[in-house]
Amino acid sequence: MAHLLHIDSSIRGEHSISRRLTARAAAVWQAAHPGGTVTYRDLGKQPLPHLDEAGGLARMTPFEQHTPAQRASWELTEQLVSEVRQATTVLLGLPLYNYGAPSSVKTWVDHLIAPGIAYDPASMAGLLGGREFIVLTSRGGGYGPGTPREGWDHAEPWLPHGISQTGLEPRFIAAELTLAPVVPAMAELVPLHEQSLAAAERAIDELWVPVSAAA
């Protein structure tokens, strides 16, 4: 059965563009997969604990030798990996904060880099490949070729590398200039923002063909 893992990470609540996009994508996915199931995780409202010493050592210590703190960290990692393993599609909202990914997303990735359950430590082969990984990014400014801050977006280039050991391969859909409607100095960029957002929404609407439309 088709199963969606829907993850949000924005800290902007109802003002979040990435949440708006992931909600739209989840609705499109559900329309295309009648009877499909969904797991939802909100990293913005309920962030995961960063890997501390206990969490790091839990990955290097046999389970039977774990301290209580190491065991708790490893069990959380097992839960997060299981959520991905059960999904046929993983949907992640990825806003750009201070030119990088939210620390909550970095922590989620750190937990997923788990030997034996997310990758084979002997062959280094990823064990979570073979499923869709759709990443909906929102960027307050513009970072494309020829812009003053070209190359300042360090979130989208990082994620494929950060997650690569697991076998997951992200596909990105981006909306840019999301601060233009609320920052007076960016007012002249509002039309470009609207074009970018509309293009992202069209790309989302084309991700999955409903069963009724394909019949």
N, C-alpha and C. Protein backbone atom coordinates (compact mmCIF):
# COMPACT_ATOMS: atom_id res chain seq x y z
N MET A 1 0.84 -1.20 0.00
CA MET A 1 0.00 0.00 0.00
C MET A 1 0.88 1.25 0.00
N ALA A 2 0.45 2.25 -0.75
CA ALA A 2 1.20 3.51 -0.80
C ALA A 2 1.16 4.20 0.57
N HIS A 3 2.30 4.72 0.98
CA HIS A 3 2.39 5.39 2.28
C HIS A 3 3.25 6.64 2.13
N LEU A 4 2.76 7.75 2.66
CA LEU A 4 3.45 9.04 2.58
C LEU A 4 4.01 9.42 3.95
N LEU A 5 5.28 9.78 3.98
CA LEU A 5 5.89 10.41 5.15
C LEU A 5 6.00 11.90 4.85
N HIS A 6 5.19 12.70 5.55
CA HIS A 6 5.09 14.14 5.33
C HIS A 6 5.81 14.84 6.48
N ILE A 7 6.85 15.61 6.16
CA ILE A 7 7.67 16.27 7.17
C ILE A 7 7.69 17.77 6.92
N ASP A 8 7.34 18.55 7.93
CA ASP A 8 7.50 20.00 7.90
C ASP A 8 8.62 20.41 8.84
N SER A 9 9.24 21.56 8.54
CA SER A 9 10.33 22.02 9.41
C SER A 9 10.30 23.52 9.65
N SER A 10 9.39 24.23 9.00
CA SER A 10 9.34 25.69 9.16
C SER A 10 8.95 26.07 10.57
N ILE A 11 9.50 27.20 11.04
CA ILE A 11 9.13 27.74 12.35
C ILE A 11 8.21 28.95 12.19
N ARG A 12 7.63 29.16 11.01
CA ARG A 12 6.81 30.34 10.73
C ARG A 12 5.31 30.07 10.79
N GLY A 13 4.93 28.88 11.21
CA GLY A 13 3.51 28.59 11.38
C GLY A 13 2.70 28.82 10.13
N GLU A 14 1.55 29.49 10.29
CA GLU A 14 0.64 29.70 9.17
C GLU A 14 1.21 30.63 8.11
N HIS A 15 2.30 31.32 8.42
CA HIS A 15 2.92 32.22 7.44
C HIS A 15 3.93 31.49 6.55
N SER A 16 4.13 30.23 6.79
CA SER A 16 5.18 29.48 6.10
C SER A 16 4.77 29.11 4.67
N ILE A 17 5.64 29.43 3.73
CA ILE A 17 5.42 29.02 2.34
C ILE A 17 5.73 27.54 2.18
N SER A 18 6.76 27.03 2.85
CA SER A 18 7.08 25.62 2.68
C SER A 18 5.96 24.73 3.22
N ARG A 19 5.32 25.16 4.32
CA ARG A 19 4.18 24.39 4.83
C ARG A 19 3.01 24.44 3.84
N ARG A 20 2.81 25.59 3.25
CA ARG A 20 1.75 25.72 2.24
C ARG A 20 2.00 24.76 1.08
N LEU A 21 3.26 24.65 0.67
CA LEU A 21 3.59 23.78 -0.45
C LEU A 21 3.48 22.31 -0.08
N THR A 22 3.95 21.94 1.10
CA THR A 22 3.85 20.53 1.48
C THR A 22 2.39 20.11 1.69
N ALA A 23 1.57 21.02 2.22
CA ALA A 23 0.14 20.69 2.37
C ALA A 23 -0.50 20.46 1.01
N ARG A 24 -0.14 21.29 0.04
CA ARG A 24 -0.67 21.11 -1.31
C ARG A 24 -0.21 19.78 -1.89
N ALA A 25 1.07 19.47 -1.72
CA ALA A 25 1.61 18.23 -2.26
C ALA A 25 0.98 17.02 -1.59
N ALA A 26 0.78 17.08 -0.27
CA ALA A 26 0.16 15.96 0.43
C ALA A 26 -1.26 15.73 -0.09
N ALA A 27 -1.99 16.81 -0.36
CA ALA A 27 -3.35 16.67 -0.89
C ALA A 27 -3.33 16.06 -2.29
N VAL A 28 -2.39 16.49 -3.12
CA VAL A 28 -2.27 15.92 -4.47
C VAL A 28 -1.92 14.43 -4.38
N TRP A 29 -1.00 14.10 -3.48
CA TRP A 29 -0.59 12.70 -3.31
C TRP A 29 -1.78 11.85 -2.88
N GLN A 30 -2.55 12.34 -1.90
CA GLN A 30 -3.68 11.57 -1.41
C GLN A 30 -4.75 11.39 -2.49
N ALA A 31 -4.95 12.42 -3.32
CA ALA A 31 -5.92 12.29 -4.41
C ALA A 31 -5.48 11.23 -5.42
N ALA A 32 -4.17 11.10 -5.59
CA ALA A 32 -3.65 10.14 -6.56
C ALA A 32 -3.49 8.74 -5.98
N HIS A 33 -3.59 8.62 -4.65
CA HIS A 33 -3.40 7.33 -3.99
C HIS A 33 -4.57 7.07 -3.03
N PRO A 34 -5.77 6.82 -3.56
CA PRO A 34 -6.91 6.53 -2.68
C PRO A 34 -6.59 5.33 -1.79
N GLY A 35 -6.84 5.51 -0.51
CA GLY A 35 -6.53 4.43 0.42
C GLY A 35 -5.11 4.48 0.95
N GLY A 36 -4.28 5.37 0.40
CA GLY A 36 -2.92 5.52 0.89
C GLY A 36 -2.91 6.07 2.31
N THR A 37 -1.87 5.78 3.05
CA THR A 37 -1.77 6.21 4.44
C THR A 37 -0.67 7.26 4.58
N VAL A 38 -0.74 8.02 5.67
CA VAL A 38 0.17 9.15 5.87
C VAL A 38 0.71 9.15 7.30
N THR A 39 2.01 9.37 7.43
CA THR A 39 2.64 9.66 8.71
C THR A 39 3.13 11.10 8.64
N TYR A 40 2.83 11.87 9.67
CA TYR A 40 3.22 13.29 9.69
C TYR A 40 4.19 13.55 10.83
N ARG A 41 5.26 14.28 10.52
CA ARG A 41 6.23 14.69 11.54
C ARG A 41 6.50 16.18 11.37
N ASP A 42 6.42 16.92 12.47
CA ASP A 42 6.62 18.37 12.44
C ASP A 42 7.90 18.72 13.20
N LEU A 43 8.97 18.90 12.45
CA LEU A 43 10.26 19.22 13.06
C LEU A 43 10.34 20.66 13.55
N GLY A 44 9.45 21.51 13.02
CA GLY A 44 9.44 22.90 13.46
C GLY A 44 8.81 23.06 14.83
N LYS A 45 7.75 22.31 15.09
CA LYS A 45 7.06 22.39 16.38
C LYS A 45 7.62 21.41 17.40
N GLN A 46 8.11 20.27 16.92
CA GLN A 46 8.65 19.25 17.82
C GLN A 46 10.00 18.78 17.29
N PRO A 47 11.05 19.61 17.46
CA PRO A 47 12.36 19.25 16.94
C PRO A 47 12.95 18.03 17.64
N LEU A 48 13.74 17.30 16.90
CA LEU A 48 14.42 16.13 17.45
C LEU A 48 15.62 16.58 18.28
N PRO A 49 16.05 15.77 19.25
CA PRO A 49 17.27 16.10 19.99
C PRO A 49 18.50 15.95 19.10
N HIS A 50 19.38 16.93 19.15
CA HIS A 50 20.63 16.83 18.42
C HIS A 50 21.44 15.64 18.93
N LEU A 51 22.29 15.09 18.10
CA LEU A 51 23.15 14.00 18.54
C LEU A 51 24.21 14.56 19.48
N ASP A 52 24.14 14.13 20.72
CA ASP A 52 25.17 14.51 21.69
C ASP A 52 26.17 13.36 21.80
N GLU A 53 26.97 13.37 22.84
CA GLU A 53 27.98 12.33 22.98
C GLU A 53 27.35 10.94 23.05
N ALA A 54 26.26 10.83 23.82
CA ALA A 54 25.61 9.53 23.95
C ALA A 54 25.06 9.06 22.60
N GLY A 55 24.44 9.98 21.86
CA GLY A 55 23.89 9.60 20.56
C GLY A 55 24.97 9.20 19.57
N GLY A 56 26.08 9.93 19.58
CA GLY A 56 27.17 9.59 18.68
C GLY A 56 27.78 8.25 19.01
N LEU A 57 28.03 8.01 20.30
CA LEU A 57 28.64 6.74 20.71
C LEU A 57 27.70 5.57 20.52
N ALA A 58 26.39 5.82 20.53
CA ALA A 58 25.44 4.73 20.32
C ALA A 58 25.63 4.08 18.97
N ARG A 59 26.14 4.82 18.00
CA ARG A 59 26.36 4.30 16.66
C ARG A 59 27.66 3.49 16.55
N MET A 60 28.48 3.57 17.57
CA MET A 60 29.77 2.90 17.55
C MET A 60 29.88 1.80 18.60
N THR A 61 28.81 1.60 19.35
CA THR A 61 28.82 0.67 20.48
C THR A 61 27.78 -0.42 20.26
N PRO A 62 28.13 -1.69 20.46
CA PRO A 62 27.13 -2.76 20.33
C PRO A 62 25.92 -2.48 21.21
N PHE A 63 24.74 -2.83 20.70
CA PHE A 63 23.49 -2.50 21.40
C PHE A 63 23.48 -3.01 22.83
N GLU A 64 24.01 -4.23 23.02
CA GLU A 64 23.96 -4.82 24.36
C GLU A 64 24.86 -4.09 25.35
N GLN A 65 25.74 -3.21 24.84
CA GLN A 65 26.62 -2.45 25.72
C GLN A 65 26.16 -1.00 25.88
N HIS A 66 25.01 -0.66 25.34
CA HIS A 66 24.52 0.72 25.42
C HIS A 66 24.21 1.12 26.86
N THR A 67 24.56 2.36 27.17
CA THR A 67 24.06 2.96 28.40
C THR A 67 22.59 3.32 28.18
N PRO A 68 21.85 3.64 29.24
CA PRO A 68 20.45 4.06 29.03
C PRO A 68 20.33 5.24 28.06
N ALA A 69 21.23 6.22 28.15
CA ALA A 69 21.16 7.38 27.26
C ALA A 69 21.46 6.97 25.82
N GLN A 70 22.43 6.09 25.62
CA GLN A 70 22.75 5.62 24.27
C GLN A 70 21.58 4.82 23.70
N ARG A 71 20.98 4.00 24.52
CA ARG A 71 19.85 3.19 24.05
C ARG A 71 18.68 4.06 23.64
N ALA A 72 18.41 5.10 24.42
CA ALA A 72 17.29 5.99 24.09
C ALA A 72 17.54 6.70 22.76
N SER A 73 18.77 7.15 22.54
CA SER A 73 19.08 7.83 21.27
C SER A 73 18.97 6.86 20.10
N TRP A 74 19.48 5.65 20.26
CA TRP A 74 19.44 4.68 19.16
C TRP A 74 18.00 4.25 18.86
N GLU A 75 17.18 4.12 19.88
CA GLU A 75 15.79 3.74 19.65
C GLU A 75 15.04 4.83 18.89
N LEU A 76 15.36 6.10 19.15
CA LEU A 76 14.76 7.18 18.37
C LEU A 76 15.22 7.10 16.92
N THR A 77 16.50 6.85 16.72
CA THR A 77 17.01 6.69 15.36
C THR A 77 16.30 5.55 14.64
N GLU A 78 16.11 4.43 15.32
CA GLU A 78 15.40 3.30 14.71
C GLU A 78 13.98 3.71 14.31
N GLN A 79 13.33 4.50 15.13
CA GLN A 79 11.98 4.96 14.81
C GLN A 79 11.98 5.83 13.56
N LEU A 80 12.94 6.76 13.47
CA LEU A 80 13.00 7.67 12.33
C LEU A 80 13.33 6.92 11.04
N VAL A 81 14.25 5.98 11.13
CA VAL A 81 14.58 5.17 9.95
C VAL A 81 13.38 4.33 9.54
N SER A 82 12.67 3.80 10.52
CA SER A 82 11.48 2.99 10.21
C SER A 82 10.41 3.82 9.50
N GLU A 83 10.26 5.09 9.90
CA GLU A 83 9.28 5.95 9.23
C GLU A 83 9.62 6.10 7.75
N VAL A 84 10.91 6.24 7.45
CA VAL A 84 11.32 6.35 6.04
C VAL A 84 11.14 5.01 5.34
N ARG A 85 11.53 3.94 5.99
CA ARG A 85 11.45 2.61 5.37
C ARG A 85 10.01 2.24 5.01
N GLN A 86 9.04 2.67 5.83
CA GLN A 86 7.65 2.33 5.58
C GLN A 86 7.04 3.17 4.47
N ALA A 87 7.68 4.27 4.10
CA ALA A 87 7.11 5.20 3.13
C ALA A 87 7.45 4.80 1.70
N THR A 88 6.48 4.99 0.81
CA THR A 88 6.78 4.91 -0.62
C THR A 88 7.18 6.28 -1.15
N THR A 89 6.72 7.33 -0.46
CA THR A 89 7.09 8.70 -0.80
C THR A 89 7.41 9.46 0.48
N VAL A 90 8.54 10.16 0.46
CA VAL A 90 8.92 11.05 1.56
C VAL A 90 8.81 12.48 1.04
N LEU A 91 8.08 13.31 1.78
CA LEU A 91 7.83 14.70 1.40
C LEU A 91 8.40 15.60 2.50
N LEU A 92 9.36 16.44 2.15
CA LEU A 92 10.04 17.29 3.13
C LEU A 92 9.91 18.76 2.75
N GLY A 93 9.44 19.58 3.69
CA GLY A 93 9.46 21.02 3.52
C GLY A 93 10.79 21.57 4.03
N LEU A 94 11.50 22.31 3.18
CA LEU A 94 12.86 22.76 3.51
C LEU A 94 12.99 24.27 3.29
N PRO A 95 12.67 25.08 4.29
CA PRO A 95 12.92 26.52 4.17
C PRO A 95 14.42 26.81 4.32
N LEU A 96 14.83 27.94 3.76
CA LEU A 96 16.23 28.35 3.86
C LEU A 96 16.36 29.34 5.01
N TYR A 97 17.17 28.98 6.01
CA TYR A 97 17.39 29.84 7.17
C TYR A 97 18.87 30.21 7.26
N ASN A 98 19.15 31.52 7.20
CA ASN A 98 20.53 31.98 7.31
C ASN A 98 21.44 31.26 6.32
N TYR A 99 20.88 31.08 5.12
CA TYR A 99 21.59 30.50 3.97
C TYR A 99 21.86 29.00 4.10
N GLY A 100 21.22 28.35 5.05
CA GLY A 100 21.39 26.91 5.21
C GLY A 100 20.09 26.24 5.59
N ALA A 101 20.17 24.94 5.80
CA ALA A 101 18.99 24.17 6.21
C ALA A 101 18.68 24.44 7.67
N PRO A 102 17.41 24.37 8.07
CA PRO A 102 17.09 24.45 9.50
C PRO A 102 17.87 23.39 10.27
N SER A 103 18.30 23.73 11.47
CA SER A 103 19.05 22.76 12.27
C SER A 103 18.22 21.51 12.55
N SER A 104 16.89 21.65 12.56
CA SER A 104 16.03 20.49 12.80
C SER A 104 16.13 19.48 11.67
N VAL A 105 16.30 19.96 10.43
CA VAL A 105 16.47 19.05 9.30
C VAL A 105 17.85 18.40 9.35
N LYS A 106 18.86 19.17 9.69
CA LYS A 106 20.21 18.59 9.84
C LYS A 106 20.19 17.49 10.90
N THR A 107 19.47 17.71 12.00
CA THR A 107 19.39 16.70 13.04
C THR A 107 18.67 15.45 12.55
N TRP A 108 17.58 15.65 11.79
CA TRP A 108 16.87 14.50 11.21
C TRP A 108 17.81 13.68 10.33
N VAL A 109 18.58 14.36 9.49
CA VAL A 109 19.53 13.66 8.63
C VAL A 109 20.58 12.94 9.46
N ASP A 110 21.11 13.61 10.50
CA ASP A 110 22.13 12.98 11.35
C ASP A 110 21.60 11.68 11.96
N HIS A 111 20.35 11.68 12.39
CA HIS A 111 19.78 10.45 12.95
C HIS A 111 19.65 9.37 11.89
N LEU A 112 19.38 9.75 10.64
CA LEU A 112 19.20 8.75 9.59
C LEU A 112 20.50 8.08 9.17
N ILE A 113 21.63 8.72 9.44
CA ILE A 113 22.91 8.12 9.04
C ILE A 113 23.27 7.07 10.08
N ALA A 114 22.63 5.92 9.99
CA ALA A 114 22.71 4.89 11.02
C ALA A 114 23.20 3.58 10.42
N PRO A 115 24.35 3.10 10.86
CA PRO A 115 24.90 1.86 10.30
C PRO A 115 24.02 0.66 10.61
N GLY A 116 23.86 -0.19 9.61
CA GLY A 116 23.12 -1.42 9.79
C GLY A 116 21.65 -1.31 9.48
N ILE A 117 21.07 -0.11 9.60
CA ILE A 117 19.64 0.03 9.32
C ILE A 117 19.36 1.03 8.20
N ALA A 118 20.26 2.00 7.99
CA ALA A 118 20.10 2.95 6.89
C ALA A 118 21.17 2.77 5.82
N TYR A 119 22.29 2.18 6.20
CA TYR A 119 23.33 1.83 5.23
C TYR A 119 24.11 0.64 5.76
N ASP A 120 24.68 -0.11 4.84
CA ASP A 120 25.48 -1.29 5.17
C ASP A 120 26.90 -0.84 5.47
N PRO A 121 27.39 -0.99 6.70
CA PRO A 121 28.73 -0.51 7.01
C PRO A 121 29.84 -1.25 6.30
N ALA A 122 29.57 -2.46 5.83
CA ALA A 122 30.60 -3.22 5.12
C ALA A 122 30.74 -2.74 3.68
N SER A 123 29.62 -2.61 2.98
CA SER A 123 29.66 -2.20 1.57
C SER A 123 29.41 -0.71 1.38
N MET A 124 28.90 -0.04 2.44
CA MET A 124 28.51 1.36 2.40
C MET A 124 27.33 1.60 1.46
N ALA A 125 26.61 0.53 1.12
CA ALA A 125 25.42 0.67 0.27
C ALA A 125 24.27 1.24 1.08
N GLY A 126 23.54 2.17 0.49
CA GLY A 126 22.37 2.72 1.15
C GLY A 126 21.23 1.71 1.19
N LEU A 127 20.47 1.72 2.28
CA LEU A 127 19.38 0.76 2.47
C LEU A 127 18.00 1.40 2.37
N LEU A 128 17.95 2.71 2.08
CA LEU A 128 16.67 3.41 2.05
C LEU A 128 16.31 3.91 0.65
N GLY A 129 17.04 3.48 -0.34
CA GLY A 129 16.76 3.91 -1.71
C GLY A 129 15.50 3.25 -2.25
N GLY A 130 15.13 3.64 -3.48
CA GLY A 130 13.99 3.02 -4.13
C GLY A 130 12.66 3.62 -3.76
N ARG A 131 12.67 4.78 -3.12
CA ARG A 131 11.41 5.48 -2.80
C ARG A 131 11.54 6.93 -3.23
N GLU A 132 10.40 7.56 -3.51
CA GLU A 132 10.40 8.98 -3.87
C GLU A 132 10.82 9.83 -2.68
N PHE A 133 11.61 10.86 -2.96
CA PHE A 133 11.97 11.83 -1.93
C PHE A 133 11.79 13.22 -2.54
N ILE A 134 10.65 13.84 -2.25
CA ILE A 134 10.30 15.14 -2.81
C ILE A 134 10.60 16.21 -1.76
N VAL A 135 11.40 17.21 -2.13
CA VAL A 135 11.79 18.27 -1.22
C VAL A 135 11.26 19.60 -1.76
N LEU A 136 10.42 20.25 -0.97
CA LEU A 136 9.82 21.52 -1.36
C LEU A 136 10.53 22.63 -0.59
N THR A 137 11.30 23.43 -1.32
CA THR A 137 12.12 24.44 -0.69
C THR A 137 11.49 25.82 -0.84
N SER A 138 11.70 26.66 0.17
CA SER A 138 11.27 28.06 0.10
C SER A 138 12.46 28.93 0.49
N ARG A 139 12.67 29.97 -0.30
CA ARG A 139 13.82 30.84 -0.09
C ARG A 139 13.34 32.28 -0.08
N GLY A 140 13.70 33.01 0.97
CA GLY A 140 13.24 34.39 1.10
C GLY A 140 13.75 35.30 0.03
N GLY A 141 14.96 35.02 -0.47
CA GLY A 141 15.55 35.84 -1.53
C GLY A 141 15.69 35.05 -2.81
N GLY A 142 16.53 35.59 -3.71
CA GLY A 142 16.81 34.92 -4.97
C GLY A 142 18.28 34.53 -5.02
N TYR A 143 18.55 33.29 -5.37
CA TYR A 143 19.92 32.79 -5.33
C TYR A 143 20.34 32.11 -6.63
N GLY A 144 19.59 32.37 -7.69
CA GLY A 144 19.88 31.73 -8.96
C GLY A 144 21.04 32.36 -9.70
N PRO A 145 21.41 31.80 -10.84
CA PRO A 145 22.51 32.33 -11.64
C PRO A 145 22.30 33.80 -11.99
N GLY A 146 23.33 34.60 -11.77
CA GLY A 146 23.29 36.02 -12.11
C GLY A 146 22.75 36.92 -11.03
N THR A 147 22.22 36.34 -9.95
CA THR A 147 21.72 37.18 -8.85
C THR A 147 22.88 37.59 -7.94
N PRO A 148 22.72 38.67 -7.17
CA PRO A 148 23.81 39.13 -6.30
C PRO A 148 24.25 38.07 -5.29
N ARG A 149 23.33 37.18 -4.90
CA ARG A 149 23.69 36.17 -3.92
C ARG A 149 23.67 34.76 -4.51
N GLU A 150 24.05 34.68 -5.76
CA GLU A 150 24.19 33.37 -6.39
C GLU A 150 25.14 32.50 -5.57
N GLY A 151 24.72 31.27 -5.28
CA GLY A 151 25.55 30.35 -4.53
C GLY A 151 25.43 30.45 -3.02
N TRP A 152 24.60 31.39 -2.53
CA TRP A 152 24.45 31.54 -1.08
C TRP A 152 23.46 30.54 -0.48
N ASP A 153 22.71 29.86 -1.30
CA ASP A 153 21.81 28.82 -0.80
C ASP A 153 22.64 27.56 -0.56
N HIS A 154 22.88 27.25 0.71
CA HIS A 154 23.69 26.08 1.06
C HIS A 154 22.83 24.90 1.52
N ALA A 155 21.51 25.06 1.46
CA ALA A 155 20.63 23.97 1.89
C ALA A 155 20.42 22.95 0.77
N GLU A 156 20.01 23.44 -0.42
CA GLU A 156 19.74 22.51 -1.51
C GLU A 156 20.99 21.75 -1.96
N PRO A 157 22.17 22.40 -2.09
CA PRO A 157 23.34 21.62 -2.48
C PRO A 157 23.78 20.62 -1.40
N TRP A 158 23.52 20.95 -0.13
CA TRP A 158 23.98 20.07 0.95
C TRP A 158 23.16 18.79 1.05
N LEU A 159 21.84 18.88 0.93
CA LEU A 159 20.99 17.74 1.27
C LEU A 159 21.32 16.46 0.49
N PRO A 160 21.52 16.50 -0.84
CA PRO A 160 21.84 15.26 -1.54
C PRO A 160 23.10 14.60 -1.01
N HIS A 161 24.08 15.43 -0.60
CA HIS A 161 25.32 14.88 -0.05
C HIS A 161 25.09 14.36 1.37
N GLY A 162 24.36 15.14 2.18
CA GLY A 162 24.13 14.75 3.56
C GLY A 162 23.38 13.44 3.70
N ILE A 163 22.46 13.18 2.76
CA ILE A 163 21.59 12.01 2.85
C ILE A 163 22.09 10.86 1.98
N SER A 164 23.19 11.07 1.26
CA SER A 164 23.60 10.13 0.21
C SER A 164 23.89 8.73 0.74
N GLN A 165 24.42 8.59 1.95
CA GLN A 165 24.75 7.26 2.47
C GLN A 165 23.52 6.36 2.58
N THR A 166 22.35 6.96 2.70
CA THR A 166 21.13 6.16 2.89
C THR A 166 20.56 5.63 1.59
N GLY A 167 20.97 6.20 0.48
CA GLY A 167 20.39 5.82 -0.82
C GLY A 167 19.24 6.70 -1.24
N LEU A 168 18.77 7.60 -0.39
CA LEU A 168 17.71 8.53 -0.77
C LEU A 168 18.24 9.56 -1.76
N GLU A 169 17.44 9.89 -2.77
CA GLU A 169 17.84 10.85 -3.79
C GLU A 169 16.75 11.91 -3.91
N PRO A 170 16.99 13.11 -3.38
CA PRO A 170 15.94 14.13 -3.38
C PRO A 170 15.68 14.75 -4.74
N ARG A 171 14.41 15.07 -4.97
CA ARG A 171 14.00 15.88 -6.12
C ARG A 171 13.46 17.19 -5.55
N PHE A 172 13.96 18.32 -6.05
CA PHE A 172 13.64 19.62 -5.47
C PHE A 172 12.63 20.39 -6.32
N ILE A 173 11.71 21.05 -5.63
CA ILE A 173 10.83 22.05 -6.22
C ILE A 173 10.94 23.28 -5.33
N ALA A 174 11.25 24.44 -5.92
CA ALA A 174 11.57 25.62 -5.11
C ALA A 174 10.65 26.79 -5.41
N ALA A 175 10.36 27.54 -4.36
CA ALA A 175 9.70 28.84 -4.48
C ALA A 175 10.65 29.88 -3.90
N GLU A 176 10.93 30.94 -4.69
CA GLU A 176 11.91 31.94 -4.27
C GLU A 176 11.25 33.29 -3.98
N LEU A 177 12.06 34.16 -3.38
CA LEU A 177 11.66 35.55 -3.10
C LEU A 177 10.40 35.60 -2.23
N THR A 178 10.30 34.66 -1.29
CA THR A 178 9.09 34.57 -0.48
C THR A 178 8.95 35.72 0.51
N LEU A 179 10.03 36.48 0.74
CA LEU A 179 9.94 37.64 1.64
C LEU A 179 9.50 38.91 0.91
N ALA A 180 9.42 38.85 -0.40
CA ALA A 180 9.09 40.06 -1.17
C ALA A 180 7.76 40.69 -0.74
N PRO A 181 6.71 39.91 -0.46
CA PRO A 181 5.44 40.55 -0.08
C PRO A 181 5.46 41.22 1.29
N VAL A 182 6.46 40.93 2.12
CA VAL A 182 6.45 41.47 3.49
C VAL A 182 7.63 42.37 3.80
N VAL A 183 8.60 42.46 2.90
CA VAL A 183 9.77 43.33 3.11
C VAL A 183 9.67 44.49 2.12
N PRO A 184 9.46 45.71 2.63
CA PRO A 184 9.26 46.85 1.72
C PRO A 184 10.37 47.02 0.70
N ALA A 185 11.61 46.79 1.09
CA ALA A 185 12.73 46.97 0.17
C ALA A 185 12.70 45.99 -1.00
N MET A 186 11.89 44.92 -0.87
CA MET A 186 11.81 43.91 -1.93
C MET A 186 10.52 44.03 -2.73
N ALA A 187 9.76 45.11 -2.55
CA ALA A 187 8.44 45.23 -3.16
C ALA A 187 8.46 45.05 -4.67
N GLU A 188 9.50 45.54 -5.31
CA GLU A 188 9.54 45.43 -6.78
C GLU A 188 9.73 43.99 -7.24
N LEU A 189 10.08 43.10 -6.31
CA LEU A 189 10.30 41.70 -6.67
C LEU A 189 9.06 40.83 -6.47
N VAL A 190 7.96 41.44 -6.01
CA VAL A 190 6.74 40.67 -5.77
C VAL A 190 6.28 39.92 -7.03
N PRO A 191 6.27 40.53 -8.22
CA PRO A 191 5.85 39.77 -9.40
C PRO A 191 6.72 38.54 -9.66
N LEU A 192 8.02 38.66 -9.42
CA LEU A 192 8.90 37.50 -9.61
C LEU A 192 8.60 36.42 -8.57
N HIS A 193 8.32 36.84 -7.34
CA HIS A 193 7.93 35.87 -6.32
C HIS A 193 6.66 35.13 -6.73
N GLU A 194 5.68 35.88 -7.21
CA GLU A 194 4.41 35.26 -7.60
C GLU A 194 4.61 34.27 -8.73
N GLN A 195 5.49 34.62 -9.69
CA GLN A 195 5.79 33.69 -10.78
C GLN A 195 6.46 32.42 -10.26
N SER A 196 7.41 32.59 -9.33
CA SER A 196 8.12 31.44 -8.77
C SER A 196 7.17 30.53 -7.99
N LEU A 197 6.31 31.14 -7.19
CA LEU A 197 5.36 30.35 -6.40
C LEU A 197 4.38 29.61 -7.30
N ALA A 198 3.89 30.29 -8.33
CA ALA A 198 2.95 29.64 -9.25
C ALA A 198 3.61 28.48 -9.98
N ALA A 199 4.87 28.65 -10.36
CA ALA A 199 5.59 27.57 -11.03
C ALA A 199 5.78 26.38 -10.10
N ALA A 200 6.08 26.65 -8.83
CA ALA A 200 6.22 25.56 -7.86
C ALA A 200 4.91 24.83 -7.68
N GLU A 201 3.82 25.56 -7.59
CA GLU A 201 2.51 24.93 -7.41
C GLU A 201 2.14 24.09 -8.63
N ARG A 202 2.46 24.57 -9.82
CA ARG A 202 2.18 23.77 -11.03
C ARG A 202 3.00 22.48 -11.01
N ALA A 203 4.26 22.58 -10.62
CA ALA A 203 5.12 21.39 -10.58
C ALA A 203 4.58 20.38 -9.57
N ILE A 204 4.08 20.87 -8.44
CA ILE A 204 3.49 19.98 -7.43
C ILE A 204 2.26 19.29 -7.99
N ASP A 205 1.41 20.04 -8.67
CA ASP A 205 0.17 19.48 -9.20
C ASP A 205 0.42 18.40 -10.25
N GLU A 206 1.62 18.40 -10.83
CA GLU A 206 1.95 17.43 -11.87
C GLU A 206 2.75 16.24 -11.35
N LEU A 207 2.98 16.19 -10.02
CA LEU A 207 3.82 15.13 -9.46
C LEU A 207 3.19 13.75 -9.60
N TRP A 208 1.89 13.67 -9.32
CA TRP A 208 1.21 12.37 -9.30
C TRP A 208 -0.09 12.47 -10.07
N VAL A 209 -0.33 11.50 -10.93
CA VAL A 209 -1.56 11.47 -11.72
C VAL A 209 -2.61 10.68 -10.96
N PRO A 210 -3.76 11.27 -10.64
CA PRO A 210 -4.80 10.51 -9.95
C PRO A 210 -5.20 9.25 -10.69
N VAL A 211 -5.57 8.24 -9.95
CA VAL A 211 -5.97 6.98 -10.56
C VAL A 211 -7.09 7.19 -11.57
N SER A 212 -8.05 8.03 -11.25
CA SER A 212 -9.18 8.27 -12.16
C SER A 212 -8.73 8.90 -13.46
N ALA A 213 -7.71 9.77 -13.38
CA ALA A 213 -7.22 10.44 -14.59
C ALA A 213 -6.40 9.51 -15.45
N ALA A 214 -5.73 8.54 -14.79
CA ALA A 214 -4.87 7.62 -15.55
C ALA A 214 -5.68 6.50 -16.18
N ALA A 215 -6.88 6.26 -15.68
CA ALA A 215 -7.69 5.13 -16.18
C ALA A 215 -8.17 5.37 -17.61
